[in-house]
Amino acid sequence: MKAQRAQEILQADTKIDVEVNGIAVWIDSVDPARGIAKIHDEDRPAETRIVSVDQLQEIQ
């Protein structure tokens, strides 16, 4: 995924499903200059991590 799309998903009014390695995640923030996103697993909101936006996959 590109950083611009990750930001669009973050700002969307409706839920857009996103996964990293087959695990459903929420995007908490995006740093387009560095190409990274802060995320957390849907079932573990307290455990955040930083990933490359390239790892994010939008689920249609």
N, C-alpha and C. Protein backbone atom coordinates (compact mmCIF):
# COMPACT_ATOMS: atom_id res chain seq x y z
N MET A 1 0.85 -1.17 0.00
CA MET A 1 0.00 0.00 0.00
C MET A 1 0.90 1.23 0.00
N LYS A 2 0.43 2.28 -0.59
CA LYS A 2 1.14 3.55 -0.60
C LYS A 2 0.74 4.38 0.62
N ALA A 3 1.62 5.27 1.06
CA ALA A 3 1.37 6.08 2.25
C ALA A 3 0.11 6.93 2.09
N GLN A 4 -0.14 7.45 0.90
CA GLN A 4 -1.33 8.27 0.66
C GLN A 4 -2.60 7.48 0.94
N ARG A 5 -2.65 6.23 0.47
CA ARG A 5 -3.84 5.39 0.70
C ARG A 5 -3.98 5.07 2.19
N ALA A 6 -2.89 4.82 2.87
CA ALA A 6 -2.94 4.55 4.31
C ALA A 6 -3.53 5.75 5.05
N GLN A 7 -3.16 6.96 4.64
CA GLN A 7 -3.71 8.16 5.27
C GLN A 7 -5.21 8.28 4.97
N GLU A 8 -5.62 7.96 3.75
CA GLU A 8 -7.05 8.01 3.39
C GLU A 8 -7.85 7.04 4.26
N ILE A 9 -7.31 5.85 4.47
CA ILE A 9 -7.98 4.85 5.30
C ILE A 9 -8.07 5.35 6.74
N LEU A 10 -7.00 5.92 7.23
CA LEU A 10 -6.97 6.45 8.60
C LEU A 10 -8.04 7.52 8.79
N GLN A 11 -8.26 8.35 7.80
CA GLN A 11 -9.20 9.47 7.90
C GLN A 11 -10.62 9.13 7.44
N ALA A 12 -10.84 7.91 6.97
CA ALA A 12 -12.15 7.52 6.44
C ALA A 12 -13.21 7.50 7.55
N ASP A 13 -14.44 7.85 7.16
CA ASP A 13 -15.57 7.83 8.10
C ASP A 13 -16.06 6.41 8.37
N THR A 14 -15.80 5.51 7.44
CA THR A 14 -16.23 4.12 7.60
C THR A 14 -15.01 3.22 7.79
N LYS A 15 -15.24 2.07 8.35
CA LYS A 15 -14.15 1.12 8.59
C LYS A 15 -13.72 0.49 7.26
N ILE A 16 -12.44 0.51 7.01
CA ILE A 16 -11.85 -0.15 5.85
C ILE A 16 -10.90 -1.21 6.40
N ASP A 17 -11.12 -2.44 6.00
CA ASP A 17 -10.34 -3.55 6.54
C ASP A 17 -8.92 -3.53 5.99
N VAL A 18 -7.95 -3.67 6.91
CA VAL A 18 -6.53 -3.69 6.57
C VAL A 18 -5.88 -4.84 7.31
N GLU A 19 -4.95 -5.50 6.65
CA GLU A 19 -4.21 -6.61 7.27
C GLU A 19 -2.71 -6.43 7.09
N VAL A 20 -1.97 -7.04 8.00
CA VAL A 20 -0.52 -7.19 7.88
C VAL A 20 -0.24 -8.67 8.13
N ASN A 21 0.30 -9.33 7.15
CA ASN A 21 0.60 -10.76 7.25
C ASN A 21 -0.61 -11.58 7.67
N GLY A 22 -1.79 -11.23 7.13
CA GLY A 22 -3.00 -11.98 7.40
C GLY A 22 -3.68 -11.64 8.72
N ILE A 23 -3.17 -10.68 9.45
CA ILE A 23 -3.75 -10.29 10.74
C ILE A 23 -4.44 -8.93 10.59
N ALA A 24 -5.70 -8.85 11.02
CA ALA A 24 -6.46 -7.61 10.93
C ALA A 24 -5.87 -6.56 11.86
N VAL A 25 -5.64 -5.35 11.32
CA VAL A 25 -5.03 -4.27 12.09
C VAL A 25 -5.79 -2.96 11.90
N TRP A 26 -5.57 -2.03 12.84
CA TRP A 26 -6.03 -0.65 12.74
C TRP A 26 -4.80 0.21 12.50
N ILE A 27 -4.95 1.23 11.67
CA ILE A 27 -3.87 2.20 11.46
C ILE A 27 -4.07 3.33 12.47
N ASP A 28 -3.05 3.60 13.28
CA ASP A 28 -3.12 4.66 14.29
C ASP A 28 -2.57 5.98 13.75
N SER A 29 -1.51 5.90 12.96
CA SER A 29 -0.92 7.09 12.36
C SER A 29 -0.06 6.68 11.17
N VAL A 30 0.22 7.68 10.32
CA VAL A 30 1.03 7.43 9.12
C VAL A 30 2.08 8.54 9.02
N ASP A 31 3.30 8.15 8.71
CA ASP A 31 4.38 9.10 8.45
C ASP A 31 4.77 8.92 6.98
N PRO A 32 4.15 9.71 6.08
CA PRO A 32 4.41 9.52 4.66
C PRO A 32 5.85 9.81 4.26
N ALA A 33 6.51 10.71 4.95
CA ALA A 33 7.89 11.04 4.61
C ALA A 33 8.82 9.85 4.83
N ARG A 34 8.52 9.06 5.83
CA ARG A 34 9.34 7.88 6.15
C ARG A 34 8.74 6.58 5.62
N GLY A 35 7.50 6.64 5.13
CA GLY A 35 6.85 5.45 4.59
C GLY A 35 6.51 4.42 5.64
N ILE A 36 6.15 4.90 6.84
CA ILE A 36 5.83 3.97 7.93
C ILE A 36 4.46 4.29 8.52
N ALA A 37 3.91 3.32 9.21
CA ALA A 37 2.63 3.50 9.89
C ALA A 37 2.71 2.87 11.28
N LYS A 38 2.05 3.50 12.23
CA LYS A 38 1.89 2.94 13.57
C LYS A 38 0.56 2.20 13.55
N ILE A 39 0.58 0.95 13.93
CA ILE A 39 -0.63 0.11 13.87
C ILE A 39 -0.81 -0.67 15.16
N HIS A 40 -2.00 -1.27 15.31
CA HIS A 40 -2.21 -2.26 16.36
C HIS A 40 -3.16 -3.33 15.83
N ASP A 41 -3.00 -4.55 16.33
CA ASP A 41 -3.91 -5.64 15.97
C ASP A 41 -5.30 -5.29 16.49
N GLU A 42 -6.33 -5.66 15.74
CA GLU A 42 -7.70 -5.34 16.16
C GLU A 42 -8.02 -5.87 17.55
N ASP A 43 -7.50 -7.04 17.89
CA ASP A 43 -7.81 -7.63 19.19
C ASP A 43 -6.79 -7.30 20.28
N ARG A 44 -5.81 -6.44 19.97
CA ARG A 44 -4.79 -6.04 20.95
C ARG A 44 -4.49 -4.55 20.82
N PRO A 45 -5.45 -3.69 21.18
CA PRO A 45 -5.26 -2.25 20.96
C PRO A 45 -4.11 -1.62 21.75
N ALA A 46 -3.70 -2.22 22.83
CA ALA A 46 -2.63 -1.65 23.64
C ALA A 46 -1.24 -1.95 23.09
N GLU A 47 -1.15 -2.91 22.17
CA GLU A 47 0.15 -3.33 21.63
C GLU A 47 0.36 -2.73 20.24
N THR A 48 1.00 -1.56 20.20
CA THR A 48 1.25 -0.91 18.91
C THR A 48 2.61 -1.31 18.37
N ARG A 49 2.75 -1.15 17.07
CA ARG A 49 4.04 -1.40 16.43
C ARG A 49 4.15 -0.52 15.18
N ILE A 50 5.35 -0.37 14.71
CA ILE A 50 5.65 0.43 13.52
C ILE A 50 5.97 -0.53 12.38
N VAL A 51 5.32 -0.32 11.23
CA VAL A 51 5.58 -1.14 10.05
C VAL A 51 5.73 -0.25 8.83
N SER A 52 6.35 -0.78 7.82
CA SER A 52 6.40 -0.10 6.53
C SER A 52 4.99 -0.10 5.93
N VAL A 53 4.58 1.00 5.29
CA VAL A 53 3.26 1.02 4.68
C VAL A 53 3.15 -0.04 3.58
N ASP A 54 4.28 -0.48 3.04
CA ASP A 54 4.27 -1.54 2.03
C ASP A 54 3.72 -2.85 2.58
N GLN A 55 3.77 -3.04 3.89
CA GLN A 55 3.27 -4.26 4.52
C GLN A 55 1.74 -4.26 4.67
N LEU A 56 1.13 -3.09 4.59
CA LEU A 56 -0.32 -2.98 4.78
C LEU A 56 -1.05 -3.46 3.53
N GLN A 57 -2.10 -4.23 3.74
CA GLN A 57 -2.91 -4.72 2.62
C GLN A 57 -4.37 -4.39 2.89
N GLU A 58 -4.97 -3.67 1.95
CA GLU A 58 -6.39 -3.36 2.05
C GLU A 58 -7.19 -4.58 1.61
N ILE A 59 -8.18 -4.94 2.42
CA ILE A 59 -9.02 -6.11 2.13
C ILE A 59 -10.32 -5.62 1.51
N GLN A 60 -10.59 -6.11 0.32
CA GLN A 60 -11.78 -5.69 -0.41
C GLN A 60 -12.98 -6.53 -0.05
